[in-house]
């Protein structure tokens, strides 16, 4: 791995944040024991993607996907 790739990975990891669901997300159907990860897109960092994680570690890409399972 070259230095540029390593730096890009480090910056990406630093931009990721995990938090508890907001009141709005809870009202939308996200369980209280889930965590929410916000990650900027590599192609356009202004766009933030949200991922939802169950306590077991399963990753969901949307609230609708959580409701389906």
N, C-alpha and C. Protein backbone atom coordinates (compact mmCIF):
# COMPACT_ATOMS: atom_id res chain seq x y z
N UNK A 1 0.86 -1.17 0.00
CA UNK A 1 0.00 0.00 0.00
C UNK A 1 0.90 1.23 0.00
N UNK A 2 0.61 2.15 -0.90
CA UNK A 2 1.45 3.35 -0.95
C UNK A 2 0.95 4.39 0.06
N UNK A 3 1.71 5.43 0.21
CA UNK A 3 1.42 6.45 1.22
C UNK A 3 0.12 7.19 0.93
N UNK A 4 -0.14 7.46 -0.35
CA UNK A 4 -1.37 8.18 -0.72
C UNK A 4 -2.60 7.36 -0.37
N UNK A 5 -2.58 6.07 -0.67
CA UNK A 5 -3.71 5.20 -0.35
C UNK A 5 -3.91 5.11 1.16
N UNK A 6 -2.83 4.95 1.89
CA UNK A 6 -2.92 4.88 3.35
C UNK A 6 -3.50 6.17 3.92
N UNK A 7 -3.09 7.31 3.39
CA UNK A 7 -3.62 8.59 3.87
C UNK A 7 -5.11 8.72 3.55
N UNK A 8 -5.53 8.28 2.37
CA UNK A 8 -6.94 8.35 1.99
C UNK A 8 -7.79 7.48 2.92
N UNK A 9 -7.29 6.30 3.26
CA UNK A 9 -8.01 5.41 4.16
C UNK A 9 -8.12 6.03 5.55
N UNK A 10 -7.05 6.62 6.02
CA UNK A 10 -7.06 7.25 7.34
C UNK A 10 -8.04 8.41 7.39
N UNK A 11 -8.07 9.24 6.36
CA UNK A 11 -9.00 10.37 6.32
C UNK A 11 -10.44 9.86 6.30
N UNK A 12 -10.70 8.82 5.51
CA UNK A 12 -12.04 8.24 5.45
C UNK A 12 -12.47 7.72 6.81
N UNK A 13 -11.58 7.03 7.50
CA UNK A 13 -11.92 6.49 8.82
C UNK A 13 -12.16 7.59 9.83
N UNK A 14 -11.45 8.69 9.72
CA UNK A 14 -11.62 9.80 10.65
C UNK A 14 -12.96 10.49 10.45
N UNK A 15 -13.50 10.46 9.21
CA UNK A 15 -14.76 11.13 8.92
C UNK A 15 -15.98 10.34 9.36
N UNK A 16 -15.79 9.09 9.72
CA UNK A 16 -16.90 8.23 10.12
C UNK A 16 -17.23 8.50 11.58
N UNK A 17 -18.51 8.67 11.85
CA UNK A 17 -18.91 8.85 13.24
C UNK A 17 -20.09 7.93 13.54
N UNK A 18 -20.10 7.37 14.73
CA UNK A 18 -21.22 6.54 15.19
C UNK A 18 -21.86 7.22 16.37
N UNK A 19 -23.18 7.09 16.41
CA UNK A 19 -23.94 7.74 17.47
C UNK A 19 -25.22 6.95 17.72
N UNK A 20 -25.93 7.36 18.75
CA UNK A 20 -27.25 6.78 19.04
C UNK A 20 -28.27 7.39 18.08
N UNK A 21 -29.37 6.71 17.83
CA UNK A 21 -30.41 7.27 16.95
C UNK A 21 -31.02 8.55 17.54
N UNK A 22 -31.36 9.48 16.66
CA UNK A 22 -32.03 10.71 17.09
C UNK A 22 -33.50 10.41 17.38
N UNK A 23 -34.19 11.36 17.98
CA UNK A 23 -35.63 11.19 18.26
C UNK A 23 -36.41 10.96 16.97
N UNK A 24 -36.03 11.68 15.91
CA UNK A 24 -36.70 11.53 14.62
C UNK A 24 -36.49 10.11 14.06
N UNK A 25 -35.27 9.59 14.17
CA UNK A 25 -35.00 8.23 13.70
C UNK A 25 -35.74 7.20 14.54
N UNK A 26 -35.80 7.43 15.85
CA UNK A 26 -36.55 6.52 16.72
C UNK A 26 -38.03 6.51 16.34
N UNK A 27 -38.58 7.69 16.07
CA UNK A 27 -39.99 7.79 15.67
C UNK A 27 -40.24 7.13 14.31
N UNK A 28 -39.19 7.08 13.48
CA UNK A 28 -39.31 6.46 12.16
C UNK A 28 -39.18 4.94 12.19
N UNK A 29 -38.78 4.39 13.33
CA UNK A 29 -38.73 2.95 13.45
C UNK A 29 -37.38 2.35 13.76
N UNK A 30 -36.37 3.18 13.99
CA UNK A 30 -35.05 2.64 14.37
C UNK A 30 -35.09 2.26 15.84
N UNK A 31 -34.78 1.02 16.17
CA UNK A 31 -34.78 0.62 17.59
C UNK A 31 -33.75 1.39 18.40
N UNK A 32 -34.04 1.59 19.66
CA UNK A 32 -33.20 2.42 20.53
C UNK A 32 -31.81 1.83 20.73
N UNK A 33 -31.67 0.50 20.62
CA UNK A 33 -30.37 -0.12 20.86
C UNK A 33 -29.48 -0.20 19.61
N UNK A 34 -29.93 0.37 18.49
CA UNK A 34 -29.13 0.43 17.27
C UNK A 34 -28.16 1.61 17.36
N UNK A 35 -27.10 1.56 16.54
CA UNK A 35 -26.22 2.71 16.39
C UNK A 35 -26.30 3.18 14.94
N UNK A 36 -26.03 4.46 14.75
CA UNK A 36 -26.10 5.08 13.42
C UNK A 36 -24.70 5.55 13.05
N UNK A 37 -24.26 5.15 11.86
CA UNK A 37 -22.96 5.57 11.36
C UNK A 37 -23.19 6.55 10.21
N UNK A 38 -22.52 7.68 10.26
CA UNK A 38 -22.60 8.66 9.19
C UNK A 38 -21.25 8.71 8.49
N UNK A 39 -21.29 8.50 7.17
CA UNK A 39 -20.05 8.42 6.40
C UNK A 39 -20.17 9.28 5.13
N UNK A 40 -19.25 10.22 4.92
CA UNK A 40 -19.28 11.00 3.68
C UNK A 40 -18.93 10.12 2.48
N UNK A 41 -19.58 10.38 1.35
CA UNK A 41 -19.28 9.62 0.14
C UNK A 41 -17.91 10.00 -0.39
N UNK A 42 -17.21 9.02 -0.94
CA UNK A 42 -15.90 9.30 -1.51
C UNK A 42 -16.02 10.16 -2.76
N UNK A 43 -17.08 9.93 -3.56
CA UNK A 43 -17.25 10.68 -4.81
C UNK A 43 -17.67 12.13 -4.57
N UNK A 44 -18.40 12.38 -3.49
CA UNK A 44 -18.84 13.73 -3.16
C UNK A 44 -19.00 13.82 -1.65
N UNK A 45 -17.99 14.29 -0.94
CA UNK A 45 -18.04 14.31 0.53
C UNK A 45 -19.16 15.14 1.14
N UNK A 46 -19.82 15.96 0.34
CA UNK A 46 -20.95 16.73 0.89
C UNK A 46 -22.15 15.83 1.17
N UNK A 47 -22.24 14.72 0.44
CA UNK A 47 -23.33 13.77 0.66
C UNK A 47 -22.92 12.81 1.77
N UNK A 48 -23.79 12.67 2.75
CA UNK A 48 -23.52 11.81 3.90
C UNK A 48 -24.44 10.60 3.82
N UNK A 49 -23.85 9.41 3.83
CA UNK A 49 -24.63 8.17 3.87
C UNK A 49 -24.78 7.73 5.32
N UNK A 50 -25.97 7.22 5.65
CA UNK A 50 -26.22 6.70 7.00
C UNK A 50 -26.36 5.20 6.93
N UNK A 51 -25.74 4.54 7.89
CA UNK A 51 -25.86 3.09 8.03
C UNK A 51 -26.31 2.82 9.46
N UNK A 52 -27.18 1.84 9.61
CA UNK A 52 -27.75 1.50 10.90
C UNK A 52 -27.24 0.13 11.30
N UNK A 53 -26.75 -0.01 12.53
CA UNK A 53 -26.19 -1.27 13.01
C UNK A 53 -27.01 -1.78 14.20
N UNK A 54 -27.37 -3.06 14.11
CA UNK A 54 -28.07 -3.70 15.22
C UNK A 54 -27.05 -4.03 16.30
N UNK A 55 -27.50 -4.37 17.50
CA UNK A 55 -26.56 -4.75 18.57
C UNK A 55 -25.69 -5.96 18.20
N UNK A 56 -26.20 -6.82 17.31
CA UNK A 56 -25.41 -7.99 16.88
C UNK A 56 -24.38 -7.64 15.81
N UNK A 57 -24.45 -6.40 15.28
CA UNK A 57 -23.49 -5.96 14.28
C UNK A 57 -23.99 -5.99 12.86
N UNK A 58 -25.23 -6.44 12.64
CA UNK A 58 -25.79 -6.46 11.29
C UNK A 58 -25.98 -5.03 10.79
N UNK A 59 -25.56 -4.81 9.53
CA UNK A 59 -25.60 -3.48 8.93
C UNK A 59 -26.85 -3.32 8.05
N UNK A 60 -27.57 -2.23 8.24
CA UNK A 60 -28.74 -1.89 7.44
C UNK A 60 -28.48 -0.58 6.74
N UNK A 61 -28.90 -0.48 5.49
CA UNK A 61 -28.64 0.73 4.71
C UNK A 61 -29.78 1.75 4.79
N UNK A 62 -30.91 1.35 5.33
CA UNK A 62 -32.03 2.28 5.42
C UNK A 62 -32.98 1.87 6.55
N UNK A 63 -33.83 2.80 6.93
CA UNK A 63 -34.85 2.49 7.94
C UNK A 63 -35.86 1.51 7.37
N UNK A 64 -36.15 1.63 6.10
CA UNK A 64 -37.07 0.69 5.44
C UNK A 64 -36.54 -0.74 5.50
N UNK A 65 -35.24 -0.90 5.31
CA UNK A 65 -34.64 -2.23 5.41
C UNK A 65 -34.75 -2.78 6.84
N UNK A 66 -34.63 -1.92 7.83
CA UNK A 66 -34.80 -2.35 9.23
C UNK A 66 -36.23 -2.85 9.44
N UNK A 67 -37.19 -2.11 8.91
CA UNK A 67 -38.60 -2.48 9.11
C UNK A 67 -38.95 -3.80 8.40
N UNK A 68 -38.29 -4.08 7.29
CA UNK A 68 -38.56 -5.32 6.54
C UNK A 68 -38.06 -6.54 7.30
N UNK A 69 -37.05 -6.38 8.14
CA UNK A 69 -36.45 -7.55 8.83
C UNK A 69 -36.90 -7.70 10.23
